Protein backbone atom coordinates (compact mmCIF):
# COMPACT_ATOMS: atom_id res chain seq x y z
CA MET A 1 -24.79 2.31 -80.28
CA LYS A 2 -26.62 5.62 -80.05
CA PRO A 3 -27.67 6.34 -76.44
CA THR A 4 -31.33 6.41 -75.50
CA LEU A 5 -32.54 9.24 -73.30
CA ILE A 6 -33.28 8.07 -69.79
CA LYS A 7 -36.77 9.62 -69.87
CA ASP A 8 -37.57 7.28 -72.78
CA LEU A 9 -36.01 4.23 -71.15
CA LEU A 10 -38.05 4.68 -67.98
CA VAL A 11 -41.31 4.33 -69.91
CA SER A 12 -40.08 1.52 -72.19
CA GLU A 13 -41.07 -2.13 -72.09
CA PRO A 14 -38.43 -4.10 -70.11
CA ASP A 15 -38.03 -6.68 -72.88
CA GLY A 16 -34.36 -7.52 -72.37
CA ARG A 17 -33.11 -5.61 -75.42
CA GLU A 18 -29.66 -4.09 -75.35
CA VAL A 19 -29.55 -0.34 -74.72
CA THR A 20 -26.90 2.33 -74.32
CA VAL A 21 -27.08 4.77 -71.41
CA CYS A 22 -25.03 7.97 -71.16
CA GLY A 23 -25.10 10.41 -68.28
CA TRP A 24 -23.62 11.54 -64.99
CA VAL A 25 -23.35 9.41 -61.89
CA ARG A 26 -25.52 10.48 -58.98
CA THR A 27 -24.65 7.65 -56.57
CA LYS A 28 -22.81 4.34 -56.45
CA ARG A 29 -23.39 1.56 -53.93
CA ASP A 30 -20.91 -1.29 -53.93
CA SER A 31 -21.46 -4.44 -51.86
CA LYS A 32 -19.62 -7.74 -52.00
CA ASN A 33 -21.21 -9.01 -55.19
CA LEU A 34 -23.58 -6.27 -56.35
CA VAL A 35 -22.95 -2.75 -57.63
CA PHE A 36 -25.74 -0.21 -58.12
CA ILE A 37 -25.07 2.97 -60.07
CA GLN A 38 -27.66 5.73 -60.41
CA VAL A 39 -27.19 7.67 -63.65
CA ASN A 40 -29.02 10.82 -64.75
CA ASP A 41 -28.77 12.55 -68.12
CA GLY A 42 -30.96 15.59 -67.37
CA SER A 43 -33.74 14.49 -69.70
CA CYS A 44 -36.03 13.96 -66.71
CA PHE A 45 -36.02 14.21 -62.96
CA ALA A 46 -35.42 10.50 -62.33
CA ALA A 47 -32.21 8.53 -62.73
CA ILE A 48 -31.93 5.02 -64.08
CA GLN A 49 -30.23 2.27 -62.13
CA LEU A 50 -27.35 0.28 -63.62
CA THR A 51 -26.81 -3.02 -61.84
CA TYR A 52 -23.72 -5.22 -61.94
CA ASP A 53 -23.66 -8.73 -60.49
CA ARG A 54 -20.12 -9.96 -60.09
CA GLU A 55 -21.22 -13.59 -59.70
CA ASN A 56 -23.26 -13.57 -62.92
CA ALA A 57 -21.21 -11.27 -65.13
CA ASN A 58 -21.22 -13.40 -68.29
CA ASN A 59 -17.62 -14.40 -67.62
CA GLY A 60 -16.36 -11.83 -70.08
CA ASN A 61 -18.66 -12.94 -72.90
CA ALA A 62 -20.45 -9.61 -73.29
CA VAL A 63 -19.87 -7.70 -76.51
CA ASN A 64 -18.25 -4.27 -76.29
CA ASN A 65 -19.72 -2.96 -79.58
CA ASN A 66 -16.26 -2.17 -80.97
CA ASN A 67 -15.63 0.36 -78.21
CA THR A 68 -12.06 -0.48 -77.24
CA ASN A 69 -12.22 1.88 -74.26
CA ALA A 70 -15.17 0.15 -72.64
CA ALA A 71 -14.64 -2.45 -69.93
CA VAL A 72 -16.55 -5.70 -70.36
CA ALA A 73 -18.50 -7.41 -67.60
CA GLY A 74 -16.69 -10.30 -65.98
CA THR A 75 -13.19 -9.03 -66.76
CA PRO A 76 -10.56 -7.43 -64.51
CA ALA A 77 -10.90 -4.26 -66.60
CA MET A 78 -14.47 -3.87 -65.33
CA GLU A 79 -13.27 -3.68 -61.74
CA ASP A 80 -10.74 -1.03 -62.70
CA MET A 81 -13.46 0.95 -64.49
CA LEU A 82 -15.86 0.64 -61.54
CA ALA A 83 -13.18 2.12 -59.29
CA LYS A 84 -13.29 5.29 -61.41
CA VAL A 85 -17.04 5.67 -60.96
CA THR A 86 -17.66 8.48 -58.47
CA THR A 87 -20.42 11.03 -58.01
CA GLY A 88 -20.31 13.44 -60.93
CA ALA A 89 -18.35 11.19 -63.30
CA SER A 90 -19.73 10.84 -66.82
CA VAL A 91 -20.26 7.33 -68.15
CA ARG A 92 -21.35 5.36 -71.18
CA ALA A 93 -22.85 1.96 -70.42
CA THR A 94 -24.51 -0.82 -72.35
CA GLY A 95 -26.71 -3.54 -70.98
CA LYS A 96 -30.08 -5.19 -71.12
CA LEU A 97 -33.27 -3.38 -70.13
CA ILE A 98 -35.07 -5.57 -67.58
CA PRO A 99 -37.82 -5.20 -64.95
CA SER A 100 -36.56 -3.63 -61.75
CA PRO A 101 -37.30 -5.37 -58.44
CA ALA A 102 -36.53 -2.13 -56.60
CA SER A 103 -39.28 0.32 -55.70
CA GLY A 104 -39.50 3.64 -57.47
CA GLN A 105 -39.00 2.64 -61.09
CA ALA A 106 -40.15 -0.12 -63.38
CA VAL A 107 -36.93 -0.79 -65.29
CA GLU A 108 -33.18 -1.03 -64.80
CA VAL A 109 -30.16 -1.91 -66.90
CA THR A 110 -27.94 -4.92 -66.24
CA LEU A 111 -24.40 -3.75 -66.91
CA GLU A 112 -22.49 -5.43 -69.76
CA THR A 113 -19.95 -2.77 -70.73
CA LEU A 114 -18.90 0.42 -68.99
CA GLU A 115 -16.74 3.37 -69.95
CA VAL A 116 -15.95 6.33 -67.72
CA LEU A 117 -15.84 9.24 -70.14
CA GLY A 118 -14.88 11.88 -67.59
CA ILE A 119 -13.57 11.24 -64.09
CA CYS A 120 -14.75 13.44 -61.23
CA PRO A 121 -12.35 13.99 -58.29
CA GLN A 122 -13.26 14.44 -54.65
CA ASP A 123 -13.27 18.24 -54.85
CA TYR A 124 -16.42 18.16 -57.01
CA PRO A 125 -18.56 20.92 -55.41
CA LEU A 126 -21.76 18.88 -55.62
CA GLN A 127 -20.45 15.85 -53.77
CA LYS A 128 -22.38 16.75 -50.66
CA LYS A 129 -26.13 16.63 -50.51
CA GLY A 130 -28.18 19.57 -49.35
CA CYS A 131 -26.14 22.39 -50.93
CA SER A 132 -27.88 25.71 -50.32
CA VAL A 133 -29.25 27.74 -53.22
CA GLU A 134 -26.89 30.55 -52.16
CA PHE A 135 -23.91 28.22 -52.53
CA LEU A 136 -25.18 26.89 -55.85
CA ARG A 137 -25.61 30.44 -57.15
CA GLU A 138 -21.84 30.71 -56.91
CA LYS A 139 -21.56 27.53 -58.99
CA ALA A 140 -23.88 28.55 -61.82
CA HIS A 141 -21.85 26.51 -64.30
CA LEU A 142 -22.61 23.30 -62.36
CA ARG A 143 -25.91 23.87 -60.58
CA ALA A 144 -28.06 22.53 -63.43
CA ARG A 145 -26.80 19.06 -62.47
CA THR A 146 -28.73 19.17 -59.19
CA ASN A 147 -32.31 17.97 -58.90
CA MET A 148 -33.63 21.45 -58.18
CA PHE A 149 -31.93 23.35 -60.96
CA GLY A 150 -32.34 20.54 -63.44
CA ALA A 151 -36.08 20.79 -62.81
CA VAL A 152 -35.97 24.58 -63.17
CA GLY A 153 -34.07 24.25 -66.45
CA ARG A 154 -36.60 21.81 -67.89
CA MET A 155 -39.46 24.01 -66.70
CA ARG A 156 -37.92 27.05 -68.36
CA SER A 157 -37.68 25.14 -71.64
CA GLU A 158 -41.26 23.88 -71.38
CA MET A 159 -42.66 27.32 -70.56
CA SER A 160 -40.77 28.83 -73.49
CA PHE A 161 -42.35 26.30 -75.82
CA ALA A 162 -45.76 26.97 -74.25
CA VAL A 163 -45.40 30.71 -74.94
CA HIS A 164 -44.79 30.09 -78.62
CA SER A 165 -47.55 27.47 -78.80
CA PHE A 166 -50.14 29.80 -77.29
CA PHE A 167 -49.53 32.63 -79.74
CA GLN A 168 -48.95 30.48 -82.80
CA GLU A 169 -52.27 28.73 -82.18
CA ARG A 170 -54.00 32.14 -82.20
CA GLY A 171 -52.66 33.61 -85.41
CA PHE A 172 -49.79 35.66 -83.98
CA TYR A 173 -46.48 36.19 -85.75
CA TYR A 174 -43.19 36.01 -83.86
CA PHE A 175 -41.35 39.32 -84.08
CA ASN A 176 -37.69 39.93 -83.14
CA ALA A 177 -37.34 43.32 -81.49
CA PRO A 178 -33.93 45.03 -81.57
CA LEU A 179 -31.77 44.86 -78.47
CA ILE A 180 -30.07 48.19 -79.18
CA THR A 181 -32.29 51.25 -79.15
CA CYS A 182 -32.16 55.05 -79.01
CA SER A 183 -35.56 55.39 -77.29
CA ASP A 184 -36.62 54.69 -73.71
CA CYS A 185 -39.91 52.78 -73.72
CA GLU A 186 -40.56 53.16 -70.01
CA GLY A 187 -39.16 56.67 -69.61
CA ALA A 188 -37.33 55.68 -66.44
CA GLY A 189 -33.85 56.26 -67.81
CA GLU A 190 -32.43 53.13 -66.15
CA MET A 191 -30.74 51.83 -69.29
CA PHE A 192 -27.35 50.33 -70.10
CA GLN A 193 -25.46 52.53 -72.51
CA VAL A 194 -23.97 51.05 -75.69
CA THR A 195 -20.95 52.94 -77.00
CA THR A 196 -17.72 52.60 -78.92
CA LEU A 197 -16.33 55.86 -77.54
CA ASP A 198 -13.03 55.64 -75.67
CA LEU A 199 -14.25 56.09 -72.10
CA ASN A 200 -10.73 56.13 -70.67
CA ARG A 201 -9.77 59.01 -72.95
CA ILE A 202 -12.92 60.94 -72.07
CA ALA A 203 -12.25 60.43 -68.36
CA GLU A 204 -8.67 61.64 -68.72
CA GLU A 205 -9.73 64.72 -70.64
CA GLY A 206 -12.43 65.40 -68.04
CA ILE A 207 -9.83 65.29 -65.27
CA LYS A 208 -7.61 67.65 -67.19
CA ALA A 209 -10.52 69.98 -67.88
CA GLY A 210 -11.44 70.06 -64.21
CA ALA A 211 -7.88 70.85 -63.23
CA LYS A 212 -7.90 73.78 -65.65
CA GLY A 213 -11.16 75.08 -64.22
CA MET A 214 -13.16 74.46 -67.38
CA ASP A 215 -16.84 75.35 -67.28
CA PRO A 216 -18.81 72.12 -66.49
CA ALA A 217 -21.13 72.84 -69.42
CA LYS A 218 -18.17 72.84 -71.79
CA ALA A 219 -16.68 69.76 -70.13
CA ALA A 220 -19.92 67.91 -70.86
CA ASN A 221 -19.21 68.36 -74.57
CA LEU A 222 -16.24 66.03 -74.21
CA VAL A 223 -18.72 63.19 -74.83
CA GLN A 224 -19.33 63.57 -78.56
CA TYR A 225 -22.20 61.24 -79.41
CA ASP A 226 -22.13 62.37 -83.04
CA LYS A 227 -18.82 60.49 -83.27
CA ASP A 228 -20.20 57.37 -81.60
CA PHE A 229 -21.07 54.25 -83.61
CA PHE A 230 -24.75 55.15 -84.05
CA GLY A 231 -24.22 58.89 -84.18
CA LYS A 232 -26.29 59.41 -81.05
CA LYS A 233 -26.70 57.98 -77.56
CA ALA A 234 -27.80 54.34 -77.68
CA SER A 235 -28.74 51.80 -75.02
CA LEU A 236 -29.82 48.22 -74.46
CA THR A 237 -33.59 47.95 -74.66
CA VAL A 238 -35.89 47.72 -71.66
CA SER A 239 -38.76 46.54 -73.85
CA GLY A 240 -39.55 45.51 -77.40
CA GLN A 241 -43.03 47.01 -77.24
CA LEU A 242 -42.59 50.17 -79.29
CA GLU A 243 -41.02 48.27 -82.17
CA ALA A 244 -43.62 45.51 -81.89
CA GLU A 245 -46.33 48.11 -82.43
CA THR A 246 -44.89 48.84 -85.87
CA TYR A 247 -45.44 45.25 -86.95
CA ALA A 248 -48.80 44.89 -85.20
CA THR A 249 -50.04 47.78 -87.35
CA ALA A 250 -49.03 45.74 -90.39
CA LEU A 251 -49.54 42.07 -89.45
CA SER A 252 -52.35 42.60 -86.89
CA ARG A 253 -51.02 40.29 -84.16
CA VAL A 254 -47.38 39.84 -83.20
CA TYR A 255 -45.38 38.93 -80.12
CA THR A 256 -41.81 39.35 -78.99
CA PHE A 257 -39.99 36.99 -76.67
CA GLY A 258 -36.44 37.92 -75.87
CA PRO A 259 -33.94 39.48 -73.47
CA THR A 260 -34.38 42.99 -72.08
CA PHE A 261 -32.16 45.03 -69.80
CA ARG A 262 -32.56 47.48 -66.96
CA ALA A 263 -29.77 49.24 -65.07
CA GLU A 264 -31.75 49.46 -61.84
CA ASN A 265 -29.42 49.21 -58.86
CA SER A 266 -31.73 46.87 -56.94
CA ASN A 267 -30.15 43.95 -55.14
CA THR A 268 -33.35 42.11 -54.25
CA PRO A 269 -34.83 38.64 -54.88
CA ARG A 270 -37.20 40.22 -57.43
CA HIS A 271 -34.84 42.16 -59.72
CA LEU A 272 -32.47 41.25 -62.53
CA ALA A 273 -30.44 43.46 -64.84
CA GLU A 274 -30.98 41.05 -67.75
CA PHE A 275 -34.33 39.33 -68.04
CA TRP A 276 -36.70 37.96 -70.67
CA MET A 277 -40.01 39.50 -71.65
CA VAL A 278 -43.01 38.15 -73.53
CA GLU A 279 -44.77 41.06 -75.24
CA PRO A 280 -47.74 40.52 -77.55
CA GLU A 281 -49.17 43.46 -79.48
CA MET A 282 -52.60 43.34 -81.11
CA ALA A 283 -54.11 45.75 -83.64
CA PHE A 284 -57.84 46.44 -83.30
CA PHE A 285 -57.82 45.25 -79.64
CA GLU A 286 -59.23 47.51 -76.96
CA LEU A 287 -58.48 47.14 -73.25
CA GLU A 288 -61.22 44.57 -72.62
CA ASP A 289 -59.82 42.38 -75.42
CA ASP A 290 -56.34 42.79 -73.97
CA MET A 291 -57.59 41.61 -70.59
CA ASP A 292 -59.31 38.60 -72.11
CA ILE A 293 -56.22 37.32 -73.87
CA ALA A 294 -53.99 38.02 -70.86
CA GLU A 295 -56.22 35.84 -68.68
CA ASP A 296 -56.30 33.10 -71.30
CA PHE A 297 -52.51 33.26 -71.60
CA VAL A 298 -51.87 32.79 -67.88
CA LYS A 299 -54.31 29.88 -67.66
CA TYR A 300 -52.77 28.24 -70.73
CA LEU A 301 -49.27 28.44 -69.27
CA LEU A 302 -50.35 27.03 -65.91
CA ASN A 303 -52.21 24.19 -67.54
CA TRP A 304 -49.11 23.38 -69.59
CA ALA A 305 -46.97 23.25 -66.45
CA LEU A 306 -49.45 21.11 -64.55
CA THR A 307 -50.12 18.59 -67.32
CA LYS A 308 -46.86 18.36 -69.26
CA CYS A 309 -44.38 18.87 -66.41
CA ALA A 310 -46.06 16.72 -63.77
CA GLU A 311 -42.88 15.02 -62.52
CA ASP A 312 -40.98 18.27 -62.00
CA MET A 313 -44.07 19.95 -60.52
CA LYS A 314 -44.28 17.12 -58.00
CA PHE A 315 -40.69 17.90 -56.95
CA PHE A 316 -41.48 21.62 -56.57
CA ASP A 317 -44.56 20.75 -54.52
CA GLN A 318 -42.63 18.43 -52.20
CA ARG A 319 -39.31 20.22 -51.88
CA VAL A 320 -39.67 23.90 -52.81
CA GLN A 321 -43.17 25.22 -52.08
CA PRO A 322 -45.61 22.76 -50.51
CA GLY A 323 -49.08 23.22 -51.95
CA ILE A 324 -47.96 24.87 -55.18
CA ILE A 325 -49.81 22.37 -57.38
CA GLU A 326 -53.05 23.08 -55.55
CA MET A 327 -52.48 26.83 -55.78
CA LEU A 328 -51.70 26.80 -59.50
CA THR A 329 -54.69 24.55 -60.16
CA HIS A 330 -56.91 27.02 -58.31
CA VAL A 331 -55.56 29.94 -60.35
CA ARG A 332 -56.00 28.03 -63.61
CA ASP A 333 -59.60 27.17 -62.79
CA SER A 334 -60.62 30.61 -61.43
CA ASP A 335 -62.32 33.50 -63.17
CA PHE A 336 -59.98 36.46 -62.69
CA VAL A 337 -61.48 39.34 -60.73
CA ARG A 338 -61.61 42.62 -62.67
CA ILE A 339 -61.63 45.77 -60.58
CA SER A 340 -60.77 49.41 -61.22
CA TYR A 341 -57.74 50.91 -59.54
CA THR A 342 -60.03 53.33 -57.69
CA ASP A 343 -62.14 50.54 -56.20
CA ALA A 344 -59.06 48.44 -55.41
CA VAL A 345 -57.48 51.32 -53.48
CA LYS A 346 -60.68 51.79 -51.47
CA LYS A 347 -60.50 48.16 -50.37
CA LEU A 348 -56.82 48.52 -49.51
CA GLU A 349 -57.38 51.72 -47.54
CA GLU A 350 -59.77 49.79 -45.31
CA ASN A 351 -56.80 47.57 -44.37
CA ASN A 352 -54.02 50.16 -44.24
CA ASP A 353 -53.07 49.07 -40.74
CA LYS A 354 -51.69 45.86 -42.26
CA PHE A 355 -49.27 47.53 -44.68
CA GLU A 356 -45.79 48.97 -44.38
CA TYR A 357 -46.66 51.38 -47.19
CA LYS A 358 -50.12 52.93 -46.82
CA ALA A 359 -52.39 52.78 -49.83
CA PHE A 360 -53.91 55.97 -51.23
CA TRP A 361 -55.33 57.08 -54.54
CA GLY A 362 -52.42 57.96 -56.80
CA CYS A 363 -49.91 55.58 -55.21
CA ASP A 364 -48.12 52.96 -57.24
CA LEU A 365 -49.36 49.68 -55.75
CA GLN A 366 -46.66 47.85 -53.81
CA THR A 367 -46.16 44.09 -53.86
CA GLU A 368 -47.73 43.86 -50.40
CA HIS A 369 -50.87 45.58 -51.76
CA GLU A 370 -51.03 43.35 -54.82
CA ARG A 371 -50.64 40.17 -52.81
CA TYR A 372 -53.21 41.30 -50.25
CA LEU A 373 -55.76 41.77 -53.03
CA THR A 374 -55.12 38.30 -54.44
CA GLU A 375 -54.45 36.32 -51.26
CA GLN A 376 -56.69 37.94 -48.66
CA ILE A 377 -59.51 39.94 -50.22
CA PHE A 378 -60.41 37.98 -53.35
CA LYS A 379 -58.38 34.78 -52.90
CA LYS A 380 -57.86 34.51 -56.64
CA PRO A 381 -56.08 36.42 -59.44
CA VAL A 382 -57.06 40.06 -59.83
CA MET A 383 -56.90 42.36 -62.85
CA VAL A 384 -56.65 46.01 -61.80
CA TYR A 385 -57.40 48.53 -64.55
CA ASP A 386 -57.64 52.29 -65.15
CA TYR A 387 -54.56 53.48 -63.24
CA PRO A 388 -53.66 57.14 -62.59
CA LYS A 389 -51.82 58.48 -65.63
CA GLU A 390 -49.02 59.93 -63.47
CA ILE A 391 -47.73 56.48 -62.53
CA LYS A 392 -47.98 54.89 -65.97
CA ALA A 393 -46.03 55.17 -69.21
CA PHE A 394 -46.55 57.89 -71.83
CA TYR A 395 -47.99 55.61 -74.52
CA MET A 396 -51.12 54.52 -72.62
CA LYS A 397 -54.52 55.68 -73.84
CA ALA A 398 -56.11 58.40 -71.72
CA ASN A 399 -59.57 57.91 -70.27
CA PRO A 400 -62.21 60.67 -70.67
CA ASP A 401 -61.82 61.61 -66.98
CA GLY A 402 -58.38 63.09 -67.75
CA LYS A 403 -56.95 61.42 -64.65
CA THR A 404 -56.57 57.77 -65.57
CA VAL A 405 -55.31 55.66 -68.45
CA ARG A 406 -56.45 52.39 -69.99
CA ALA A 407 -53.87 50.28 -68.22
CA VAL A 408 -54.20 46.86 -66.59
CA ASP A 409 -52.03 44.79 -64.26
CA VAL A 410 -52.63 41.08 -63.73
CA LEU A 411 -51.92 40.15 -60.11
CA VAL A 412 -51.43 36.58 -58.88
CA PRO A 413 -50.93 35.03 -55.42
CA GLY A 414 -47.40 34.79 -54.14
CA ILE A 415 -45.94 37.10 -56.79
CA GLY A 416 -48.11 40.17 -57.19
CA GLU A 417 -47.89 41.71 -60.65
CA LEU A 418 -47.30 39.10 -63.34
CA ILE A 419 -48.48 41.08 -66.37
CA GLY A 420 -48.65 44.77 -67.14
CA GLY A 421 -50.48 46.04 -70.20
CA SER A 422 -52.62 48.73 -71.71
CA GLU A 423 -54.52 50.02 -74.66
CA ARG A 424 -52.11 52.26 -76.52
CA GLU A 425 -52.83 55.90 -77.33
CA ALA A 426 -53.83 55.94 -81.01
CA ASP A 427 -54.40 59.68 -81.38
CA LEU A 428 -51.42 61.58 -82.80
CA GLU A 429 -52.16 64.91 -81.09
CA LYS A 430 -52.85 63.37 -77.68
CA LEU A 431 -49.72 61.21 -77.79
CA THR A 432 -47.55 64.12 -78.88
CA ASN A 433 -48.87 66.30 -76.08
CA ARG A 434 -48.30 63.58 -73.52
CA ILE A 435 -44.68 63.16 -74.63
CA LYS A 436 -44.15 66.90 -74.22
CA GLU A 437 -45.86 66.92 -70.81
CA LEU A 438 -43.30 64.43 -69.55
CA GLY A 439 -40.39 66.52 -70.78
CA MET A 440 -39.51 64.08 -73.55
CA ASP A 441 -38.55 65.12 -77.06
CA PRO A 442 -41.07 64.12 -79.77
CA LYS A 443 -38.19 64.03 -82.25
CA ASP A 444 -36.86 60.94 -80.47
CA TYR A 445 -40.15 59.19 -81.19
CA TRP A 446 -40.83 60.49 -84.70
CA TRP A 447 -41.28 56.99 -86.15
CA TYR A 448 -43.55 55.93 -83.28
CA LEU A 449 -45.69 59.03 -83.78
CA GLU A 450 -45.99 58.32 -87.51
CA LEU A 451 -47.86 55.10 -86.65
CA ARG A 452 -50.61 57.45 -85.43
CA LYS A 453 -50.38 59.54 -88.60
CA PHE A 454 -50.62 56.83 -91.23
CA GLY A 455 -53.66 54.60 -90.74
CA SER A 456 -53.83 54.62 -86.95
CA VAL A 457 -55.94 51.94 -85.26
CA PRO A 458 -56.93 51.02 -81.71
CA HIS A 459 -54.35 48.58 -80.44
CA SER A 460 -53.29 46.98 -77.18
CA GLY A 461 -50.65 44.76 -75.67
CA PHE A 462 -48.99 43.60 -72.51
CA GLY A 463 -45.71 42.39 -71.10
CA LEU A 464 -45.10 39.28 -69.02
CA GLY A 465 -41.80 38.93 -67.21
CA PHE A 466 -40.71 35.40 -68.04
CA GLU A 467 -38.65 34.97 -64.87
CA ARG A 468 -41.60 36.11 -62.77
CA LEU A 469 -43.68 33.43 -64.46
CA LEU A 470 -41.03 30.84 -63.63
CA ARG A 471 -40.94 31.93 -60.00
CA PHE A 472 -44.71 31.55 -59.94
CA VAL A 473 -44.84 28.03 -61.39
CA THR A 474 -41.79 26.64 -59.55
CA GLY A 475 -42.15 28.33 -56.17
CA MET A 476 -38.51 29.45 -56.26
CA GLN A 477 -38.11 32.47 -54.01
CA ASN A 478 -35.25 34.27 -55.72
CA ILE A 479 -35.48 35.37 -59.34
CA ARG A 480 -31.76 34.66 -59.74
CA ASP A 481 -32.54 30.96 -59.44
CA VAL A 482 -34.86 30.72 -62.46
CA ILE A 483 -32.44 32.08 -65.07
CA PRO A 484 -29.31 30.13 -66.05
CA TYR A 485 -26.84 32.97 -65.45
CA PRO A 486 -28.25 35.85 -63.38
CA ARG A 487 -27.09 39.40 -64.06
CA ALA A 488 -27.47 41.78 -61.16
CA PRO A 489 -25.42 44.59 -59.51
CA LYS A 490 -21.83 43.34 -59.10
CA LEU A 491 -22.82 39.94 -60.52
CA ALA A 492 -21.67 39.07 -64.04
CA ASP A 493 -18.89 36.55 -63.42
CA PHE A 494 -20.10 33.72 -65.64
C-alpha cells in the first residue's frame, strides 16, 4: 500500500481505515503490554504515534499486504522486529487510523504490521537530545532530521515557492542567468575563477622563472588566458542582474532566482561563499516604482510564512527567537519608512555615542546603523535612498546633484539590509563615463552598454539575499544554518 504523508494523516478523519506509514523513528516507549513509537517523515513538524497492544494484537490475524518482510501483530516475529526499532531507524508500518486518547494530536495508528527498513545503531549522532547547532553543522548530511533543521528546510521550500508566486502573479517572467561570467557586476573583484588551465604547471614554471631571475612582468605572462576554455578570464557570478537587464529590455519584467558566489574571506555568521539571490528587473520602472514593489514583496513573503507555515513558525517562536511571530506580523502590517541617506545619517550622527563605527556622510552604513534606524528610531522597516555614488555600483543612475545615485536599501529589524536596489543608468554616455571613472574597461561591458544604445528605457531592479530572508523569518542567528550545505572559507566538505 502506498504510504500516506504524516501531515495528511494528522488532519484526516480517524475512521478506522487501514493506512501505511513510512518514516524515521523519533522515540520508542515500551512497557509491559504497550509500545508507543513516534514516527516522523519530514512532511510536517509533528510525528504520528504508532501504538501496539500486546494483549489485543489480533492473535496474528492481521494481513501483511503481501509484504513478506513485514512482521504481523500477535506473532513472535513482531517482537523481533520491535527489538530493531531504535531512534533513527526507518520503518514501514500498517494499521488502522483511530482517535488518539493522548494529548497533542487527534489521531494515531494501531500497529498491525511493521517492517524495519533500515536499522540505526547506537552511534547515531542524533541519539541525544539538545545537540548544538555548531555540532549539527558538522553533520550537515543528517541535521535535516532534527526538529529545527527540518523546520528550516520546509521554510526554505515554502519561501522559494512564495518568491515564484509573487512574481508570476504580477506578470514577471522567470529568467535563468548564467553562473559563469567574464564581467564583475559589483566591481569588488571578489570572484571565484573558473579555468581549465593547468595550475600546477603554471606554478612550476613560475618557480623556475623566479629562480632564473625573470622579470615579474614577463612571469605574469605565464598565465595565458587566450588558451583557457573561454579565451579570457572567467569567474562564477556574483549577481545575475546585468544579464537580467537584457531580458527586461525585451520582456519588460523578469526575475532571476539562483545561486551566486563571492570569494570574500569573511568567516562571520552573516557571510557565505555560495548563496542564492532573488533579482527582479523591471523596464519602465523608476526608483519610486522599485521601492513600491520591494515593499510589497517583503510583505507578501512574510504573510506567506505566517499563514502557510504556522506550525513551523510556532516552533521558531518558542524555541529559536521568542516573539518572532509578533515582530514579523508588525513588519507585515507596517508602512515602510522612506528616508534619504542624507537625512538618515543626520539622525545617526545624533546617536554616534552608541556606535562602534561612527556615522558620517559618505560612510557605508554598518549593520549597527541599519538596525538602529529600524529598531530604535523608527521601530519599523526603513527604506534608505539616494546614497553617495562613491559607495555604490557603477550601473546606478546619477542624481542631478552629482553626488548621489538613485539607490535604495530596505532595512528590517534584526537583520539590517534585506534588499538592495536602484534605478539603473539608462544614458549611454553617462554610463560609459562612470565605467571609465572607476578604472574599468568599457570593452568588458560592450553588450551591457549596447542596451543603452538600442532603444534604452528607464529601468530598475533589486536583489534580495534569500538566506538573509530565511534568517529573518526563522530567527536563526547564523546564515550557515539556513542553507542545506554552507560554503564558507575552509568549509566545503559535503
